[in-house]
Amino acid sequence: MTGIGRVLVIVYAVMALAATGRSFVQIVRRFDEAPLAYSLSALAAVVYILATLALVLARRRGWYTVAWIAIVFELTGVLVVGLLSILLPALFQHETVWSLFGRGYLFIPLVLPVFGIWWLRTHQPSAADRPIEVTA
């Protein structure tokens, strides 16, 4: 992996570390304040970790598909939480929630999966990278 792919993995790794740390603090210290928001924050951390790992291993058997699933799941989550935060703001009252499509995070939660999907589409594993199928 070179160039843009490395940058993508680095950004996902940073987001994974940040989301994991943030989620841990939220759940340990303030879970009762916003259980839905902090549960979703923990889920986001898991998705970032999985997406990072899958992107690193995307050339190996099955990991390309795992990367697609994780990143599409991430984008879907951002869109759903963003729409819910607009339509039902009472669900996400706490200021640290990723609401309004990640506005407080410079739209990174919305832009990152779109960029990840673009990168996966333009960097599909070649035939040499795919496993050899054995037929009987």
C-alpha atoms as a PDB file:
ATOM      1  CA  MET A   1       0.000   0.000   0.000  1.00  0.00           C
ATOM      2  CA  THR A   2       1.372   3.363  -0.976  1.00  0.00           C
ATOM      3  CA  GLY A   3       0.454   7.033  -1.071  1.00  0.00           C
ATOM      4  CA  ILE A   4      -3.205   7.784  -0.516  1.00  0.00           C
ATOM      5  CA  GLY A   5      -3.868   4.280   0.813  1.00  0.00           C
ATOM      6  CA  ARG A   6      -1.363   4.822   3.619  1.00  0.00           C
ATOM      7  CA  VAL A   7      -2.887   8.187   4.470  1.00  0.00           C
ATOM      8  CA  LEU A   8      -6.322   6.573   4.559  1.00  0.00           C
ATOM      9  CA  VAL A   9      -5.108   3.857   6.940  1.00  0.00           C
ATOM     10  CA  ILE A  10      -3.392   6.442   9.160  1.00  0.00           C
ATOM     11  CA  VAL A  11      -6.557   8.565   9.368  1.00  0.00           C
ATOM     12  CA  TYR A  12      -8.644   5.486  10.179  1.00  0.00           C
ATOM     13  CA  ALA A  13      -6.103   4.442  12.832  1.00  0.00           C
ATOM     14  CA  VAL A  14      -6.194   7.900  14.432  1.00  0.00           C
ATOM     15  CA  MET A  15      -9.995   7.873  14.371  1.00  0.00           C
ATOM     16  CA  ALA A  16      -9.979   4.362  15.894  1.00  0.00           C
ATOM     17  CA  LEU A  17      -7.693   5.444  18.728  1.00  0.00           C
ATOM     18  CA  ALA A  18      -9.620   8.660  19.342  1.00  0.00           C
ATOM     19  CA  ALA A  19     -13.027   6.972  19.230  1.00  0.00           C
ATOM     20  CA  THR A  20     -11.871   4.151  21.509  1.00  0.00           C
ATOM     21  CA  GLY A  21     -10.407   6.530  24.092  1.00  0.00           C
ATOM     22  CA  ARG A  22     -13.381   8.847  23.948  1.00  0.00           C
ATOM     23  CA  SER A  23     -15.854   5.996  24.188  1.00  0.00           C
ATOM     24  CA  PHE A  24     -14.036   4.472  27.155  1.00  0.00           C
ATOM     25  CA  VAL A  25     -14.116   7.750  29.076  1.00  0.00           C
ATOM     26  CA  GLN A  26     -17.766   8.363  28.200  1.00  0.00           C
ATOM     27  CA  ILE A  27     -18.891   4.910  29.285  1.00  0.00           C
ATOM     28  CA  VAL A  28     -16.825   4.819  32.477  1.00  0.00           C
ATOM     29  CA  ARG A  29     -17.546   8.360  33.658  1.00  0.00           C
ATOM     30  CA  ARG A  30     -20.848   9.517  32.182  1.00  0.00           C
ATOM     31  CA  PHE A  31     -22.786   6.633  30.662  1.00  0.00           C
ATOM     32  CA  ASP A  32     -25.962   7.524  32.573  1.00  0.00           C
ATOM     33  CA  GLU A  33     -26.035  11.002  30.967  1.00  0.00           C
ATOM     34  CA  ALA A  34     -26.541   9.727  27.414  1.00  0.00           C
ATOM     35  CA  PRO A  35     -26.596   5.913  27.172  1.00  0.00           C
ATOM     36  CA  LEU A  36     -27.718   5.818  23.516  1.00  0.00           C
ATOM     37  CA  ALA A  37     -25.090   8.286  22.385  1.00  0.00           C
ATOM     38  CA  TYR A  38     -22.285   6.617  24.295  1.00  0.00           C
ATOM     39  CA  SER A  39     -23.293   3.144  23.132  1.00  0.00           C
ATOM     40  CA  LEU A  40     -23.199   4.407  19.548  1.00  0.00           C
ATOM     41  CA  SER A  41     -19.811   5.961  20.291  1.00  0.00           C
ATOM     42  CA  ALA A  42     -18.506   2.554  21.406  1.00  0.00           C
ATOM     43  CA  LEU A  43     -19.923   0.952  18.275  1.00  0.00           C
ATOM     44  CA  ALA A  44     -18.188   3.603  16.159  1.00  0.00           C
ATOM     45  CA  ALA A  45     -14.888   2.755  17.859  1.00  0.00           C
ATOM     46  CA  VAL A  46     -15.320  -0.924  16.987  1.00  0.00           C
ATOM     47  CA  VAL A  47     -16.151  -0.065  13.369  1.00  0.00           C
ATOM     48  CA  TYR A  48     -13.080   2.207  13.065  1.00  0.00           C
ATOM     49  CA  ILE A  49     -10.839  -0.523  14.469  1.00  0.00           C
ATOM     50  CA  LEU A  50     -12.286  -3.112  12.096  1.00  0.00           C
ATOM     51  CA  ALA A  51     -12.066  -0.776   9.102  1.00  0.00           C
ATOM     52  CA  THR A  52      -8.432   0.055   9.895  1.00  0.00           C
ATOM     53  CA  LEU A  53      -7.469  -3.590  10.201  1.00  0.00           C
ATOM     54  CA  ALA A  54      -9.405  -4.543   7.060  1.00  0.00           C
ATOM     55  CA  LEU A  55      -7.788  -1.755   5.029  1.00  0.00           C
ATOM     56  CA  VAL A  56      -4.318  -2.870   6.113  1.00  0.00           C
ATOM     57  CA  LEU A  57      -5.145  -6.460   5.154  1.00  0.00           C
ATOM     58  CA  ALA A  58      -7.305  -5.628   2.098  1.00  0.00           C
ATOM     59  CA  ARG A  59      -5.032  -7.587  -0.244  1.00  0.00           C
ATOM     60  CA  ARG A  60      -5.558 -10.794   1.762  1.00  0.00           C
ATOM     61  CA  ARG A  61      -8.374 -13.243   1.295  1.00  0.00           C
ATOM     62  CA  GLY A  62     -11.726 -11.828   2.404  1.00  0.00           C
ATOM     63  CA  TRP A  63     -10.390  -8.647   4.014  1.00  0.00           C
ATOM     64  CA  TYR A  64     -11.249  -6.486   0.997  1.00  0.00           C
ATOM     65  CA  THR A  65     -14.903  -7.468   1.518  1.00  0.00           C
ATOM     66  CA  VAL A  66     -14.634  -6.838   5.269  1.00  0.00           C
ATOM     67  CA  ALA A  67     -13.251  -3.353   4.514  1.00  0.00           C
ATOM     68  CA  TRP A  68     -16.221  -2.642   2.222  1.00  0.00           C
ATOM     69  CA  ILE A  69     -18.736  -3.836   4.800  1.00  0.00           C
ATOM     70  CA  ALA A  70     -17.126  -1.879   7.650  1.00  0.00           C
ATOM     71  CA  ILE A  71     -16.890   1.363   5.681  1.00  0.00           C
ATOM     72  CA  VAL A  72     -20.434   1.126   4.282  1.00  0.00           C
ATOM     73  CA  PHE A  73     -21.667   0.365   7.823  1.00  0.00           C
ATOM     74  CA  GLU A  74     -19.733   3.410   9.065  1.00  0.00           C
ATOM     75  CA  LEU A  75     -21.263   5.686   6.408  1.00  0.00           C
ATOM     76  CA  THR A  76     -24.748   4.341   7.126  1.00  0.00           C
ATOM     77  CA  GLY A  77     -24.268   4.963  10.840  1.00  0.00           C
ATOM     78  CA  VAL A  78     -23.096   8.531  10.291  1.00  0.00           C
ATOM     79  CA  LEU A  79     -26.049   9.251   8.018  1.00  0.00           C
ATOM     80  CA  VAL A  80     -28.589   7.709  10.418  1.00  0.00           C
ATOM     81  CA  VAL A  81     -27.190   9.480  13.494  1.00  0.00           C
ATOM     82  CA  GLY A  82     -26.910  12.735  11.543  1.00  0.00           C
ATOM     83  CA  LEU A  83     -30.512  12.541  10.364  1.00  0.00           C
ATOM     84  CA  LEU A  84     -31.775  11.539  13.807  1.00  0.00           C
ATOM     85  CA  SER A  85     -29.872  14.420  15.401  1.00  0.00           C
ATOM     86  CA  ILE A  86     -31.651  16.797  13.021  1.00  0.00           C
ATOM     87  CA  LEU A  87     -35.105  15.211  13.222  1.00  0.00           C
ATOM     88  CA  LEU A  88     -35.071  14.178  16.906  1.00  0.00           C
ATOM     89  CA  PRO A  89     -32.470  16.357  18.650  1.00  0.00           C
ATOM     90  CA  ALA A  90     -33.753  15.241  22.074  1.00  0.00           C
ATOM     91  CA  LEU A  91     -32.098  11.859  21.460  1.00  0.00           C
ATOM     92  CA  PHE A  92     -28.669  13.486  21.196  1.00  0.00           C
ATOM     93  CA  GLN A  93     -28.639  16.374  23.628  1.00  0.00           C
ATOM     94  CA  HIS A  94     -25.112  15.911  24.872  1.00  0.00           C
ATOM     95  CA  GLU A  95     -22.582  18.216  23.201  1.00  0.00           C
ATOM     96  CA  THR A  96     -19.977  15.525  22.532  1.00  0.00           C
ATOM     97  CA  VAL A  97     -22.229  13.435  20.290  1.00  0.00           C
ATOM     98  CA  TRP A  98     -21.423  13.241  16.584  1.00  0.00           C
ATOM     99  CA  SER A  99     -24.487  15.023  15.392  1.00  0.00           C
ATOM    100  CA  LEU A 100     -25.455  16.939  12.310  1.00  0.00           C
ATOM    101  CA  PHE A 101     -23.217  14.627  10.240  1.00  0.00           C
ATOM    102  CA  GLY A 102     -20.069  15.262  12.281  1.00  0.00           C
ATOM    103  CA  ARG A 103     -20.131  19.054  12.112  1.00  0.00           C
ATOM    104  CA  GLY A 104     -18.148  19.353  15.336  1.00  0.00           C
ATOM    105  CA  TYR A 105     -15.468  17.105  13.837  1.00  0.00           C
ATOM    106  CA  LEU A 106     -15.101  19.098  10.608  1.00  0.00           C
ATOM    107  CA  PHE A 107     -17.309  16.567   8.804  1.00  0.00           C
ATOM    108  CA  ILE A 108     -14.565  13.901   9.019  1.00  0.00           C
ATOM    109  CA  PRO A 109     -17.065  11.175  10.048  1.00  0.00           C
ATOM    110  CA  LEU A 110     -19.027  11.871   6.843  1.00  0.00           C
ATOM    111  CA  VAL A 111     -16.162  12.484   4.417  1.00  0.00           C
ATOM    112  CA  LEU A 112     -13.887   9.647   5.590  1.00  0.00           C
ATOM    113  CA  PRO A 113     -16.155   6.725   4.627  1.00  0.00           C
ATOM    114  CA  VAL A 114     -16.990   8.337   1.265  1.00  0.00           C
ATOM    115  CA  PHE A 115     -13.263   8.631   0.596  1.00  0.00           C
ATOM    116  CA  GLY A 116     -12.733   5.064   1.848  1.00  0.00           C
ATOM    117  CA  ILE A 117     -15.366   3.715  -0.541  1.00  0.00           C
ATOM    118  CA  TRP A 118     -13.793   5.641  -3.428  1.00  0.00           C
ATOM    119  CA  TRP A 119     -10.362   4.243  -2.558  1.00  0.00           C
ATOM    120  CA  LEU A 120     -11.661   0.667  -2.341  1.00  0.00           C
ATOM    121  CA  ARG A 121     -13.376   1.021  -5.730  1.00  0.00           C
ATOM    122  CA  THR A 122     -10.192   2.279  -7.361  1.00  0.00           C
ATOM    123  CA  HIS A 123      -7.846  -0.220  -5.652  1.00  0.00           C
ATOM    124  CA  GLN A 124      -9.501  -3.583  -6.083  1.00  0.00           C
ATOM    125  CA  PRO A 125      -7.279  -6.605  -5.538  1.00  0.00           C
ATOM    126  CA  SER A 126      -5.750  -7.839  -8.772  1.00  0.00           C
ATOM    127  CA  ALA A 127      -6.196 -11.401 -10.023  1.00  0.00           C
ATOM    128  CA  ALA A 128      -2.717 -12.207  -8.661  1.00  0.00           C
ATOM    129  CA  ASP A 129      -3.847 -11.133  -5.174  1.00  0.00           C
ATOM    130  CA  ARG A 130      -7.008 -13.226  -5.214  1.00  0.00           C
ATOM    131  CA  PRO A 131      -6.938 -16.747  -3.839  1.00  0.00           C
ATOM    132  CA  ILE A 132      -6.721 -19.591  -6.345  1.00  0.00           C
ATOM    133  CA  GLU A 133      -9.999 -21.452  -6.612  1.00  0.00           C
ATOM    134  CA  VAL A 134      -9.729 -25.224  -6.696  1.00  0.00           C
ATOM    135  CA  THR A 135     -12.484 -27.075  -8.527  1.00  0.00           C
ATOM    136  CA  ALA A 136     -13.141 -30.776  -8.271  1.00  0.00           C
END
